[in-house]
Protein backbone atom coordinates (compact mmCIF):
# COMPACT_ATOMS: atom_id res chain seq x y z
CA UNK A 1 -11.56 54.96 -32.20
CA UNK A 2 -12.38 58.13 -33.68
CA UNK A 3 -13.33 57.88 -37.15
CA UNK A 4 -12.07 59.96 -40.19
CA UNK A 5 -15.19 62.40 -41.16
CA UNK A 6 -13.85 63.71 -44.61
CA UNK A 7 -15.05 61.86 -47.54
CA UNK A 8 -13.02 58.47 -48.95
CA UNK A 9 -13.87 60.38 -52.70
CA UNK A 10 -14.52 63.82 -52.98
CA UNK A 11 -18.18 64.82 -54.13
CA UNK A 12 -19.96 62.01 -52.12
CA UNK A 13 -21.21 62.31 -48.88
CA UNK A 14 -19.18 60.21 -46.25
CA UNK A 15 -21.15 57.56 -43.83
CA UNK A 16 -18.23 57.15 -41.36
CA UNK A 17 -19.20 53.63 -39.96
CA UNK A 18 -20.29 52.05 -43.35
CA UNK A 19 -17.33 53.96 -44.62
CA UNK A 20 -15.21 51.63 -41.41
CA UNK A 21 -16.75 48.96 -41.74
CA UNK A 22 -15.82 48.61 -45.44
CA UNK A 23 -12.20 49.96 -44.54
CA UNK A 24 -12.85 46.93 -42.16
CA UNK A 25 -13.38 43.98 -44.22
CA UNK A 26 -10.91 44.95 -46.85
CA UNK A 27 -8.01 44.58 -44.42
CA UNK A 28 -9.20 41.43 -43.04
CA UNK A 29 -10.09 40.38 -46.99
CA UNK A 30 -6.13 40.84 -47.44
CA UNK A 31 -4.96 39.94 -44.43
CA UNK A 32 -6.55 36.32 -44.73
CA UNK A 33 -4.81 36.36 -48.26
CA UNK A 34 -1.72 36.92 -47.18
CA UNK A 35 -2.38 33.31 -45.39
CA UNK A 36 -4.07 31.76 -48.45
CA UNK A 37 -0.49 32.83 -50.86
CA UNK A 38 1.66 30.75 -48.04
CA UNK A 39 -0.97 28.09 -48.62
CA UNK A 40 -2.48 28.02 -51.84
CA UNK A 41 -0.40 27.46 -54.13
CA UNK A 42 -0.71 26.84 -57.73
CA UNK A 43 2.32 24.20 -58.19
CA UNK A 44 -0.15 21.08 -56.69
CA UNK A 45 -2.10 23.04 -53.65
CA UNK A 46 -5.47 23.90 -53.46
CA UNK A 47 -6.72 27.50 -55.15
CA UNK A 48 -9.16 29.56 -53.46
CA UNK A 49 -11.85 27.99 -55.67
CA UNK A 50 -11.58 24.22 -55.26
CA UNK A 51 -11.20 24.94 -50.91
CA UNK A 52 -14.40 26.48 -51.60
CA UNK A 53 -15.89 23.84 -53.67
CA UNK A 54 -14.61 21.51 -51.38
CA UNK A 55 -15.89 22.97 -48.01
CA UNK A 56 -19.13 23.23 -50.03
CA UNK A 57 -19.03 19.01 -50.07
CA UNK A 58 -17.93 18.62 -46.22
CA UNK A 59 -20.57 20.64 -45.30
CA UNK A 60 -23.38 19.31 -46.98
CA UNK A 61 -23.04 16.61 -48.08
CA UNK A 62 -23.70 14.93 -51.70
CA UNK A 63 -24.86 16.91 -54.25
CA UNK A 64 -25.22 18.17 -57.72
CA UNK A 65 -22.71 20.21 -59.54
CA UNK A 66 -26.20 22.98 -60.16
CA UNK A 67 -26.30 23.02 -56.20
CA UNK A 68 -23.11 23.52 -55.52
CA UNK A 69 -22.81 26.59 -58.01
CA UNK A 70 -25.60 28.26 -56.38
CA UNK A 71 -23.82 28.20 -53.11
CA UNK A 72 -21.31 29.59 -54.29
CA UNK A 73 -23.07 32.77 -56.23
CA UNK A 74 -20.94 31.47 -59.61
CA UNK A 75 -21.85 29.45 -63.04
CA UNK A 76 -22.61 25.87 -62.37
CA UNK A 77 -20.52 25.91 -66.46
CA UNK A 78 -17.97 26.80 -64.17
CA UNK A 79 -18.58 24.60 -61.37
CA UNK A 80 -18.10 22.11 -64.09
CA UNK A 81 -15.21 22.41 -65.32
CA UNK A 82 -13.40 23.04 -61.90
CA UNK A 83 -15.10 19.44 -60.28
CA UNK A 84 -13.50 18.35 -63.63
CA UNK A 85 -10.34 18.71 -62.29
CA UNK A 86 -10.43 18.22 -59.02
CA UNK A 87 -11.56 14.51 -59.61
CA UNK A 88 -8.42 14.52 -61.98
CA UNK A 89 -6.97 15.53 -58.47
CA UNK A 90 -8.14 12.46 -56.65
CA UNK A 91 -10.08 15.20 -54.62
CA UNK A 92 -13.91 14.35 -55.39
CA UNK A 93 -15.44 11.70 -57.00
CA UNK A 94 -18.84 11.71 -58.74
CA UNK A 95 -21.89 8.99 -59.80
CA UNK A 96 -25.04 8.84 -61.71
CA UNK A 97 -27.91 10.63 -59.93
CA UNK A 98 -30.32 7.64 -59.59
CA UNK A 99 -33.22 9.92 -59.59
CA UNK A 100 -32.21 12.05 -63.45
CA UNK A 101 -28.57 9.67 -65.65
CA UNK A 102 -28.07 12.90 -67.71
CA UNK A 103 -26.79 14.61 -63.92
CA UNK A 104 -24.50 13.75 -61.53
CA UNK A 105 -23.89 13.44 -57.72
CA UNK A 106 -20.44 14.61 -56.73
CA UNK A 107 -18.76 14.41 -53.16
CA UNK A 108 -15.92 14.87 -51.41
CA UNK A 109 -13.52 12.02 -51.62
CA UNK A 110 -10.98 11.08 -48.82
CA UNK A 111 -7.74 12.85 -50.43
CA UNK A 112 -9.88 15.58 -50.86
CA UNK A 113 -11.40 15.83 -47.31
CA UNK A 114 -7.73 15.25 -45.95
CA UNK A 115 -6.26 18.08 -48.06
CA UNK A 116 -9.08 20.43 -47.08
CA UNK A 117 -8.79 19.67 -43.42
CA UNK A 118 -4.56 20.61 -43.45
CA UNK A 119 -5.42 22.86 -45.01
CA UNK A 120 -7.90 24.31 -42.48
CA UNK A 121 -5.60 23.41 -39.33
CA UNK A 122 -3.30 25.21 -40.89
CA UNK A 123 -5.62 28.51 -41.06
CA UNK A 124 -6.72 27.51 -36.99
CA UNK A 125 -3.33 27.53 -35.90
CA UNK A 126 -1.99 30.96 -37.36
CA UNK A 127 -4.74 32.71 -36.89
CA UNK A 128 -5.05 31.10 -33.24
CA UNK A 129 -1.33 32.70 -32.84
CA UNK A 130 -2.42 35.87 -34.79
CA UNK A 131 -5.28 36.55 -31.74
CA UNK A 132 -3.59 35.21 -28.89
CA UNK A 133 -4.69 38.08 -27.17
CA UNK A 134 -8.19 37.60 -27.66
CA UNK A 135 -10.48 34.74 -25.45
CA UNK A 136 -12.49 32.73 -27.20
CA UNK A 137 -15.97 34.56 -26.20
CA UNK A 138 -13.96 37.50 -28.06
CA UNK A 139 -13.39 35.55 -31.23
CA UNK A 140 -16.79 33.52 -30.79
CA UNK A 141 -18.78 37.41 -30.99
CA UNK A 142 -16.79 38.90 -33.62
CA UNK A 143 -17.65 36.09 -35.81
CA UNK A 144 -21.12 35.80 -34.95
CA UNK A 145 -21.47 39.75 -35.69
CA UNK A 146 -19.00 38.83 -38.96
CA UNK A 147 -21.66 36.42 -40.22
CA UNK A 148 -24.96 38.68 -39.55
CA UNK A 149 -22.93 41.59 -41.11
CA UNK A 150 -22.41 39.00 -44.46
CA UNK A 151 -26.25 37.86 -44.26
CA UNK A 152 -27.89 41.37 -43.99
CA UNK A 153 -25.16 42.28 -47.81
CA UNK A 154 -26.22 39.13 -49.40
CA UNK A 155 -30.25 39.04 -48.63
CA UNK A 156 -28.99 42.94 -49.78
CA UNK A 157 -27.11 41.98 -53.08
CA UNK A 158 -30.31 39.36 -53.89
CA UNK A 159 -32.70 42.06 -52.99
CA UNK A 160 -31.17 44.06 -55.56
CA UNK A 161 -30.87 42.05 -58.51
CA UNK A 162 -34.52 40.94 -58.00
CA UNK A 163 -35.77 44.24 -58.25
CA UNK A 164 -33.62 45.07 -61.44
CA UNK A 165 -35.63 45.33 -64.81
CA UNK A 166 -34.58 41.93 -67.10
CA UNK A 167 -34.78 43.94 -70.00
CA UNK A 168 -37.48 41.61 -71.42
C-alpha cells in the first residue's frame, strides 16, 4: 500500500505510518459505531457506556463503582449515575460492602448478562460475516496487534498525565 506523503495539516510534519494508523483506527471506530447504532438504541436498548459497565462486571465480577470508573477511565460520579439507571432497569444489582458499609458492591444481574450476551452475539455474527475473507489466524493476529497498540497508547497517555504539573 502506498502511503500519502503530503501532510494532512499544512505546516505539520507528516509521519506517514503514524498518520495512516490514525486514519485506520478512525475508520474502524466509525465502522463499529455503525453496528452499534443498529443495536444500541435509546428506546430501551443498551447505550455504549452501559455496555462498557456491564462488560467490566462480566469480565471482573462484583466490585465497587469506583473500581469500574477507574477501569473505564471516567469519574466515579459518572459511573454512579449509570449504576442507578442500570439497577432500575434490572441489569445490575447492588449490596452493601461487608468490609465498608459506606460503599456498595455491584454485580451483573442475570438480565444484564443476557442483554450483554445478546448484544455481543449479534456483533460477532456481523463481524464474522463482514470479515469472511479473513481466516481465524489473521483475525487473531489483527486483534493482538490492536491490543498491543491500545496498551502502548494508554501507557503513554498515563505517563503524560503523571508528568504534567498539577498547578499546586
